[in-house]
Amino acid sequence: MLAYRYPLIAREGWRWIAFVAAIALLLQWQFGWLAVPLWLVVGLLLFLFRDPPRTVPASPLGVVSPVHGRVLSVDTTQDTHLERQAIRITIQMRMTDIFSVRSPMEGKVLQQWIGKHDASADGPRYAQWIQSDEEDDVLLVIAPNLRAVRPKCYVHSGERIGQGQRCGFIYFGGRVEVWVPTGSHIDVSEGDTLQAGSDIIATLVHEKVVPPKVDSTAASGDH
């Protein structure tokens, strides 16, 4: 299982927290109780940028939830990025959910689409194509809650990524889609609440190849 190696407060929020805390300290030194509202803002920022540890399940074929949120839908439809039929699991994050994004599975990032629009979408969408060593294709698509806010991505095309590895950040959340191959076993249903990096949303299925039977009589021949 992957060990947790990140601070409890996401680095993406450090400068904002430090800035507001510095002003609060200055006001408290000059005016005392007038700094109370700013300390409340510091507390709010600490809450918003929290990043608690997660334990990745020991399931090599498991696809974990990339974000905290609630399952909106599970359906089979056309994947316009990879031009295939796939199962789409849609997860909605609230604006107060944990903003960190984690990789749904281990593999290699083959391609990314930054700012790509979908015909049915009402805003920009950011997509990442991950392929496992067994050539299972999983697509991660993000549509931010705030259109003006661009998600951060820390893994680039050609790089490997681990299952449950912290790989991005969505300020104030968004709608996230995970596209898995048809035939995968779906482990969630509409309305389920998920935790990033620890809850399995689907399990990849590999068909076992059964070797053909050999006729021992025909193989040995007639003597």
C-alpha atoms as a PDB file:
ATOM      1  CA  MET A   1       0.000   0.000   0.000  1.00  0.00           C
ATOM      2  CA  LEU A   2       1.156   3.513  -0.824  1.00  0.00           C
ATOM      3  CA  ALA A   3       2.491   5.475   2.131  1.00  0.00           C
ATOM      4  CA  TYR A   4       1.209   8.982   2.671  1.00  0.00           C
ATOM      5  CA  ARG A   5       3.925  11.576   2.026  1.00  0.00           C
ATOM      6  CA  TYR A   6       2.073  14.886   1.931  1.00  0.00           C
ATOM      7  CA  PRO A   7       1.379  17.525   4.603  1.00  0.00           C
ATOM      8  CA  LEU A   8      -1.997  17.669   6.331  1.00  0.00           C
ATOM      9  CA  ILE A   9      -2.539  21.144   4.895  1.00  0.00           C
ATOM     10  CA  ALA A  10      -2.110  21.228   1.115  1.00  0.00           C
ATOM     11  CA  ARG A  11       0.870  23.265  -0.081  1.00  0.00           C
ATOM     12  CA  GLU A  12      -1.387  25.003  -2.576  1.00  0.00           C
ATOM     13  CA  GLY A  13      -2.933  26.927   0.321  1.00  0.00           C
ATOM     14  CA  TRP A  14       0.186  27.787   2.333  1.00  0.00           C
ATOM     15  CA  ARG A  15       0.822  31.232   0.875  1.00  0.00           C
ATOM     16  CA  TRP A  16      -2.820  32.298   1.302  1.00  0.00           C
ATOM     17  CA  ILE A  17      -2.899  31.075   4.892  1.00  0.00           C
ATOM     18  CA  ALA A  18       0.443  32.739   5.662  1.00  0.00           C
ATOM     19  CA  PHE A  19      -0.681  36.035   4.078  1.00  0.00           C
ATOM     20  CA  VAL A  20      -3.925  36.248   6.041  1.00  0.00           C
ATOM     21  CA  ALA A  21      -2.230  35.079   9.260  1.00  0.00           C
ATOM     22  CA  ALA A  22       0.452  37.785   8.908  1.00  0.00           C
ATOM     23  CA  ILE A  23      -2.202  40.488   8.557  1.00  0.00           C
ATOM     24  CA  ALA A  24      -4.099  39.035  11.524  1.00  0.00           C
ATOM     25  CA  LEU A  25      -0.957  39.130  13.666  1.00  0.00           C
ATOM     26  CA  LEU A  26      -0.332  42.732  12.687  1.00  0.00           C
ATOM     27  CA  LEU A  27      -3.895  43.763  13.497  1.00  0.00           C
ATOM     28  CA  GLN A  28      -3.817  41.886  16.792  1.00  0.00           C
ATOM     29  CA  TRP A  29      -0.612  43.655  17.775  1.00  0.00           C
ATOM     30  CA  GLN A  30      -2.061  47.076  16.850  1.00  0.00           C
ATOM     31  CA  PHE A  31      -5.764  46.735  17.699  1.00  0.00           C
ATOM     32  CA  GLY A  32      -6.266  43.509  19.645  1.00  0.00           C
ATOM     33  CA  TRP A  33      -9.757  42.040  19.193  1.00  0.00           C
ATOM     34  CA  LEU A  34     -10.198  43.603  15.726  1.00  0.00           C
ATOM     35  CA  ALA A  35      -8.077  40.740  14.386  1.00  0.00           C
ATOM     36  CA  VAL A  36     -10.703  38.137  15.339  1.00  0.00           C
ATOM     37  CA  PRO A  37     -12.476  38.105  11.902  1.00  0.00           C
ATOM     38  CA  LEU A  38      -9.156  37.491  10.152  1.00  0.00           C
ATOM     39  CA  TRP A  39      -8.324  34.608  12.482  1.00  0.00           C
ATOM     40  CA  LEU A  40     -11.682  33.124  11.518  1.00  0.00           C
ATOM     41  CA  VAL A  41     -10.633  33.429   7.870  1.00  0.00           C
ATOM     42  CA  VAL A  42      -7.398  31.616   8.705  1.00  0.00           C
ATOM     43  CA  GLY A  43      -9.441  28.826  10.278  1.00  0.00           C
ATOM     44  CA  LEU A  44     -11.640  28.629   7.191  1.00  0.00           C
ATOM     45  CA  LEU A  45      -8.597  28.415   4.903  1.00  0.00           C
ATOM     46  CA  LEU A  46      -7.108  25.644   7.046  1.00  0.00           C
ATOM     47  CA  PHE A  47     -10.369  23.731   6.646  1.00  0.00           C
ATOM     48  CA  LEU A  48     -10.621  24.281   2.890  1.00  0.00           C
ATOM     49  CA  PHE A  49      -7.025  23.254   2.206  1.00  0.00           C
ATOM     50  CA  ARG A  50      -7.020  20.206   4.479  1.00  0.00           C
ATOM     51  CA  ASP A  51      -5.482  17.102   2.931  1.00  0.00           C
ATOM     52  CA  PRO A  52      -5.888  14.144   5.301  1.00  0.00           C
ATOM     53  CA  PRO A  53      -3.948  10.895   4.769  1.00  0.00           C
ATOM     54  CA  ARG A  54      -5.428   8.099   2.698  1.00  0.00           C
ATOM     55  CA  THR A  55      -4.592   4.394   2.592  1.00  0.00           C
ATOM     56  CA  VAL A  56      -4.624   2.964  -0.917  1.00  0.00           C
ATOM     57  CA  PRO A  57      -6.277  -0.486  -0.986  1.00  0.00           C
ATOM     58  CA  ALA A  58      -4.161  -3.494  -1.963  1.00  0.00           C
ATOM     59  CA  SER A  59      -6.062  -4.120  -5.190  1.00  0.00           C
ATOM     60  CA  PRO A  60      -3.885  -3.934  -8.351  1.00  0.00           C
ATOM     61  CA  LEU A  61      -6.934  -4.136 -10.636  1.00  0.00           C
ATOM     62  CA  GLY A  62      -8.960  -1.694  -8.566  1.00  0.00           C
ATOM     63  CA  VAL A  63      -9.756   1.790  -9.873  1.00  0.00           C
ATOM     64  CA  VAL A  64      -9.917   4.182  -6.924  1.00  0.00           C
ATOM     65  CA  SER A  65     -11.897   7.378  -6.702  1.00  0.00           C
ATOM     66  CA  PRO A  66      -9.701  10.324  -7.733  1.00  0.00           C
ATOM     67  CA  VAL A  67     -11.606  12.820  -5.574  1.00  0.00           C
ATOM     68  CA  HIS A  68     -13.890  13.227  -2.600  1.00  0.00           C
ATOM     69  CA  GLY A  69     -17.498  13.557  -3.683  1.00  0.00           C
ATOM     70  CA  ARG A  70     -20.803  11.888  -4.486  1.00  0.00           C
ATOM     71  CA  VAL A  71     -21.583   9.591  -7.403  1.00  0.00           C
ATOM     72  CA  LEU A  72     -23.987  11.369  -9.746  1.00  0.00           C
ATOM     73  CA  SER A  73     -24.347   8.649 -12.360  1.00  0.00           C
ATOM     74  CA  VAL A  74     -22.940   5.475 -13.879  1.00  0.00           C
ATOM     75  CA  ASP A  75     -23.608   4.919 -17.560  1.00  0.00           C
ATOM     76  CA  THR A  76     -22.191   3.388 -20.718  1.00  0.00           C
ATOM     77  CA  THR A  77     -21.657   5.865 -23.544  1.00  0.00           C
ATOM     78  CA  GLN A  78     -19.265   6.980 -26.276  1.00  0.00           C
ATOM     79  CA  ASP A  79     -15.867   8.199 -25.113  1.00  0.00           C
ATOM     80  CA  THR A  80     -15.039  11.021 -27.543  1.00  0.00           C
ATOM     81  CA  HIS A  81     -11.440  11.312 -26.334  1.00  0.00           C
ATOM     82  CA  LEU A  82     -10.396   7.710 -27.030  1.00  0.00           C
ATOM     83  CA  GLU A  83     -13.169   6.979 -29.544  1.00  0.00           C
ATOM     84  CA  ARG A  84     -14.571   3.901 -27.842  1.00  0.00           C
ATOM     85  CA  GLN A  85     -17.541   2.691 -25.851  1.00  0.00           C
ATOM     86  CA  ALA A  86     -16.765   2.951 -22.130  1.00  0.00           C
ATOM     87  CA  ILE A  87     -18.385   3.088 -18.722  1.00  0.00           C
ATOM     88  CA  ARG A  88     -18.505   6.617 -17.301  1.00  0.00           C
ATOM     89  CA  ILE A  89     -18.615   7.176 -13.533  1.00  0.00           C
ATOM     90  CA  THR A  90     -19.478  10.807 -12.750  1.00  0.00           C
ATOM     91  CA  ILE A  91     -18.541  12.243  -9.351  1.00  0.00           C
ATOM     92  CA  GLN A  92     -19.616  15.668  -8.091  1.00  0.00           C
ATOM     93  CA  MET A  93     -17.388  17.493  -5.618  1.00  0.00           C
ATOM     94  CA  ARG A  94     -18.777  20.179  -3.336  1.00  0.00           C
ATOM     95  CA  MET A  95     -16.950  23.497  -3.064  1.00  0.00           C
ATOM     96  CA  THR A  96     -15.909  22.519   0.481  1.00  0.00           C
ATOM     97  CA  ASP A  97     -14.704  18.997  -0.337  1.00  0.00           C
ATOM     98  CA  ILE A  98     -11.010  18.132  -0.241  1.00  0.00           C
ATOM     99  CA  PHE A  99      -9.445  19.611  -3.384  1.00  0.00           C
ATOM    100  CA  SER A 100      -6.589  17.124  -3.947  1.00  0.00           C
ATOM    101  CA  VAL A 101      -6.813  14.771  -6.945  1.00  0.00           C
ATOM    102  CA  ARG A 102      -5.386  11.238  -6.911  1.00  0.00           C
ATOM    103  CA  SER A 103      -4.629   8.865  -9.741  1.00  0.00           C
ATOM    104  CA  PRO A 104      -7.341   6.225 -10.227  1.00  0.00           C
ATOM    105  CA  MET A 105      -4.813   3.514 -11.101  1.00  0.00           C
ATOM    106  CA  GLU A 106      -1.159   2.738 -11.688  1.00  0.00           C
ATOM    107  CA  GLY A 107       0.154   3.199 -15.195  1.00  0.00           C
ATOM    108  CA  LYS A 108       1.600   5.615 -17.713  1.00  0.00           C
ATOM    109  CA  VAL A 109       0.089   8.942 -18.711  1.00  0.00           C
ATOM    110  CA  LEU A 110      -0.170   8.710 -22.498  1.00  0.00           C
ATOM    111  CA  GLN A 111      -1.872  11.987 -23.317  1.00  0.00           C
ATOM    112  CA  GLN A 112      -3.573  15.012 -21.781  1.00  0.00           C
ATOM    113  CA  TRP A 113      -6.114  17.464 -23.133  1.00  0.00           C
ATOM    114  CA  ILE A 114      -5.981  20.866 -21.467  1.00  0.00           C
ATOM    115  CA  GLY A 115      -9.028  23.067 -21.904  1.00  0.00           C
ATOM    116  CA  LYS A 116     -10.718  20.594 -24.261  1.00  0.00           C
ATOM    117  CA  HIS A 117     -14.437  21.199 -24.690  1.00  0.00           C
ATOM    118  CA  ASP A 118     -17.083  18.545 -25.036  1.00  0.00           C
ATOM    119  CA  ALA A 119     -20.159  19.169 -27.154  1.00  0.00           C
ATOM    120  CA  SER A 120     -22.460  18.424 -24.206  1.00  0.00           C
ATOM    121  CA  ALA A 121     -20.420  20.386 -21.645  1.00  0.00           C
ATOM    122  CA  ASP A 122     -21.081  23.959 -20.541  1.00  0.00           C
ATOM    123  CA  GLY A 123     -17.473  24.819 -19.753  1.00  0.00           C
ATOM    124  CA  PRO A 124     -13.823  23.781 -20.147  1.00  0.00           C
ATOM    125  CA  ARG A 125     -12.830  20.194 -19.473  1.00  0.00           C
ATOM    126  CA  TYR A 126      -9.391  18.787 -18.659  1.00  0.00           C
ATOM    127  CA  ALA A 127      -8.673  15.158 -19.487  1.00  0.00           C
ATOM    128  CA  GLN A 128      -5.881  12.680 -18.755  1.00  0.00           C
ATOM    129  CA  TRP A 129      -5.418   9.274 -20.398  1.00  0.00           C
ATOM    130  CA  ILE A 130      -3.751   6.632 -18.218  1.00  0.00           C
ATOM    131  CA  GLN A 131      -2.835   3.174 -19.514  1.00  0.00           C
ATOM    132  CA  SER A 132      -1.878   0.258 -17.274  1.00  0.00           C
ATOM    133  CA  ASP A 133       0.921  -2.201 -18.024  1.00  0.00           C
ATOM    134  CA  GLU A 134      -1.819  -4.610 -19.185  1.00  0.00           C
ATOM    135  CA  GLU A 135      -3.048  -1.913 -21.644  1.00  0.00           C
ATOM    136  CA  ASP A 136      -6.218  -1.058 -19.730  1.00  0.00           C
ATOM    137  CA  ASP A 137      -7.252   2.486 -20.654  1.00  0.00           C
ATOM    138  CA  VAL A 138      -8.721   4.744 -17.974  1.00  0.00           C
ATOM    139  CA  LEU A 139      -9.659   8.346 -18.695  1.00  0.00           C
ATOM    140  CA  LEU A 140      -9.927  11.054 -16.035  1.00  0.00           C
ATOM    141  CA  VAL A 141     -11.962  14.149 -16.998  1.00  0.00           C
ATOM    142  CA  ILE A 142     -12.343  17.264 -14.825  1.00  0.00           C
ATOM    143  CA  ALA A 143     -14.824  20.125 -15.218  1.00  0.00           C
ATOM    144  CA  PRO A 144     -14.114  22.734 -12.472  1.00  0.00           C
ATOM    145  CA  ASN A 145     -16.968  24.248 -10.474  1.00  0.00           C
ATOM    146  CA  LEU A 146     -15.459  27.673 -11.198  1.00  0.00           C
ATOM    147  CA  ARG A 147     -14.814  28.107 -14.921  1.00  0.00           C
ATOM    148  CA  ALA A 148     -12.124  30.731 -14.354  1.00  0.00           C
ATOM    149  CA  VAL A 149     -10.082  28.372 -12.150  1.00  0.00           C
ATOM    150  CA  ARG A 150      -7.713  26.006 -13.934  1.00  0.00           C
ATOM    151  CA  PRO A 151      -6.925  22.714 -12.153  1.00  0.00           C
ATOM    152  CA  LYS A 152      -3.293  21.948 -11.359  1.00  0.00           C
ATOM    153  CA  CYS A 153      -1.740  18.828 -12.888  1.00  0.00           C
ATOM    154  CA  TYR A 154       1.552  17.475 -11.518  1.00  0.00           C
ATOM    155  CA  VAL A 155       2.073  14.505 -13.869  1.00  0.00           C
ATOM    156  CA  HIS A 156       2.907  14.982 -17.536  1.00  0.00           C
ATOM    157  CA  SER A 157       2.513  12.856 -20.646  1.00  0.00           C
ATOM    158  CA  GLY A 158       5.043  10.026 -20.741  1.00  0.00           C
ATOM    159  CA  GLU A 159       5.421   9.824 -16.955  1.00  0.00           C
ATOM    160  CA  ARG A 160       4.385   6.899 -14.769  1.00  0.00           C
ATOM    161  CA  ILE A 161       1.927   7.352 -11.945  1.00  0.00           C
ATOM    162  CA  GLY A 162       1.007   5.188  -8.976  1.00  0.00           C
ATOM    163  CA  GLN A 163      -2.428   4.082  -7.873  1.00  0.00           C
ATOM    164  CA  GLY A 164      -3.791   6.674  -5.448  1.00  0.00           C
ATOM    165  CA  GLN A 165      -0.822   8.999  -6.004  1.00  0.00           C
ATOM    166  CA  ARG A 166      -1.571  12.687  -5.499  1.00  0.00           C
ATOM    167  CA  CYS A 167      -1.463  14.085  -9.012  1.00  0.00           C
ATOM    168  CA  GLY A 168      -3.471  17.304  -9.102  1.00  0.00           C
ATOM    169  CA  PHE A 169      -5.541  19.923  -7.352  1.00  0.00           C
ATOM    170  CA  ILE A 170      -8.970  21.441  -8.119  1.00  0.00           C
ATOM    171  CA  TYR A 171      -9.601  24.720  -6.322  1.00  0.00           C
ATOM    172  CA  PHE A 172     -13.179  24.644  -4.986  1.00  0.00           C
ATOM    173  CA  GLY A 173     -13.900  21.282  -6.586  1.00  0.00           C
ATOM    174  CA  GLY A 174     -15.630  20.262  -9.764  1.00  0.00           C
ATOM    175  CA  ARG A 175     -17.368  17.477 -11.635  1.00  0.00           C
ATOM    176  CA  VAL A 176     -15.069  14.526 -12.292  1.00  0.00           C
ATOM    177  CA  GLU A 177     -15.602  11.654 -14.717  1.00  0.00           C
ATOM    178  CA  VAL A 178     -13.721   8.362 -14.655  1.00  0.00           C
ATOM    179  CA  TRP A 179     -14.057   6.319 -17.867  1.00  0.00           C
ATOM    180  CA  VAL A 180     -13.236   2.616 -17.570  1.00  0.00           C
ATOM    181  CA  PRO A 181     -13.373  -0.192 -20.161  1.00  0.00           C
ATOM    182  CA  THR A 182     -16.698  -1.896 -20.776  1.00  0.00           C
ATOM    183  CA  GLY A 183     -16.685  -5.216 -18.988  1.00  0.00           C
ATOM    184  CA  SER A 184     -15.208  -3.696 -15.832  1.00  0.00           C
ATOM    185  CA  HIS A 185     -16.959  -4.525 -12.576  1.00  0.00           C
ATOM    186  CA  ILE A 186     -18.553  -1.370 -11.141  1.00  0.00           C
ATOM    187  CA  ASP A 187     -18.305  -1.150  -7.356  1.00  0.00           C
ATOM    188  CA  VAL A 188     -20.380   2.005  -6.754  1.00  0.00           C
ATOM    189  CA  SER A 189     -23.871   3.233  -7.495  1.00  0.00           C
ATOM    190  CA  GLU A 190     -25.611   6.585  -7.777  1.00  0.00           C
ATOM    191  CA  GLY A 191     -25.670   8.507  -4.496  1.00  0.00           C
ATOM    192  CA  ASP A 192     -22.607   6.837  -2.929  1.00  0.00           C
ATOM    193  CA  THR A 193     -20.195   9.132  -1.072  1.00  0.00           C
ATOM    194  CA  LEU A 194     -16.535   8.569  -1.943  1.00  0.00           C
ATOM    195  CA  GLN A 195     -13.145   9.327  -0.448  1.00  0.00           C
ATOM    196  CA  ALA A 196     -10.246  10.018  -2.782  1.00  0.00           C
ATOM    197  CA  GLY A 197      -7.546   7.390  -3.089  1.00  0.00           C
ATOM    198  CA  SER A 198      -9.139   4.842  -0.768  1.00  0.00           C
ATOM    199  CA  ASP A 199     -12.563   3.891  -2.170  1.00  0.00           C
ATOM    200  CA  ILE A 200     -12.640   1.502  -5.138  1.00  0.00           C
ATOM    201  CA  ILE A 201     -15.147   2.587  -7.802  1.00  0.00           C
ATOM    202  CA  ALA A 202     -14.459  -0.138 -10.382  1.00  0.00           C
ATOM    203  CA  THR A 203     -12.428  -3.299 -10.854  1.00  0.00           C
ATOM    204  CA  LEU A 204     -10.765  -4.090 -14.160  1.00  0.00           C
ATOM    205  CA  VAL A 205     -11.577  -7.537 -15.507  1.00  0.00           C
ATOM    206  CA  HIS A 206      -9.034  -9.561 -17.463  1.00  0.00           C
ATOM    207  CA  GLU A 207     -10.338 -12.580 -19.319  1.00  0.00           C
ATOM    208  CA  LYS A 208      -8.400 -15.721 -18.645  1.00  0.00           C
ATOM    209  CA  VAL A 209      -7.038 -17.372 -21.752  1.00  0.00           C
ATOM    210  CA  VAL A 210      -7.706 -21.091 -21.596  1.00  0.00           C
ATOM    211  CA  PRO A 211      -5.120 -23.102 -23.581  1.00  0.00           C
ATOM    212  CA  PRO A 212      -6.613 -25.478 -26.148  1.00  0.00           C
ATOM    213  CA  LYS A 213      -6.878 -29.094 -25.136  1.00  0.00           C
ATOM    214  CA  VAL A 214      -4.449 -31.428 -26.799  1.00  0.00           C
ATOM    215  CA  ASP A 215      -5.709 -34.804 -27.913  1.00  0.00           C
ATOM    216  CA  SER A 216      -3.148 -37.129 -26.392  1.00  0.00           C
ATOM    217  CA  THR A 217      -4.152 -39.952 -28.706  1.00  0.00           C
ATOM    218  CA  ALA A 218      -3.708 -37.878 -31.836  1.00  0.00           C
ATOM    219  CA  ALA A 219      -0.475 -36.419 -30.526  1.00  0.00           C
ATOM    220  CA  SER A 220       1.069 -39.816 -29.867  1.00  0.00           C
ATOM    221  CA  GLY A 221      -0.100 -41.251 -33.198  1.00  0.00           C
ATOM    222  CA  ASP A 222      -0.894 -44.865 -34.064  1.00  0.00           C
ATOM    223  CA  HIS A 223       1.896 -47.398 -33.655  1.00  0.00           C
END
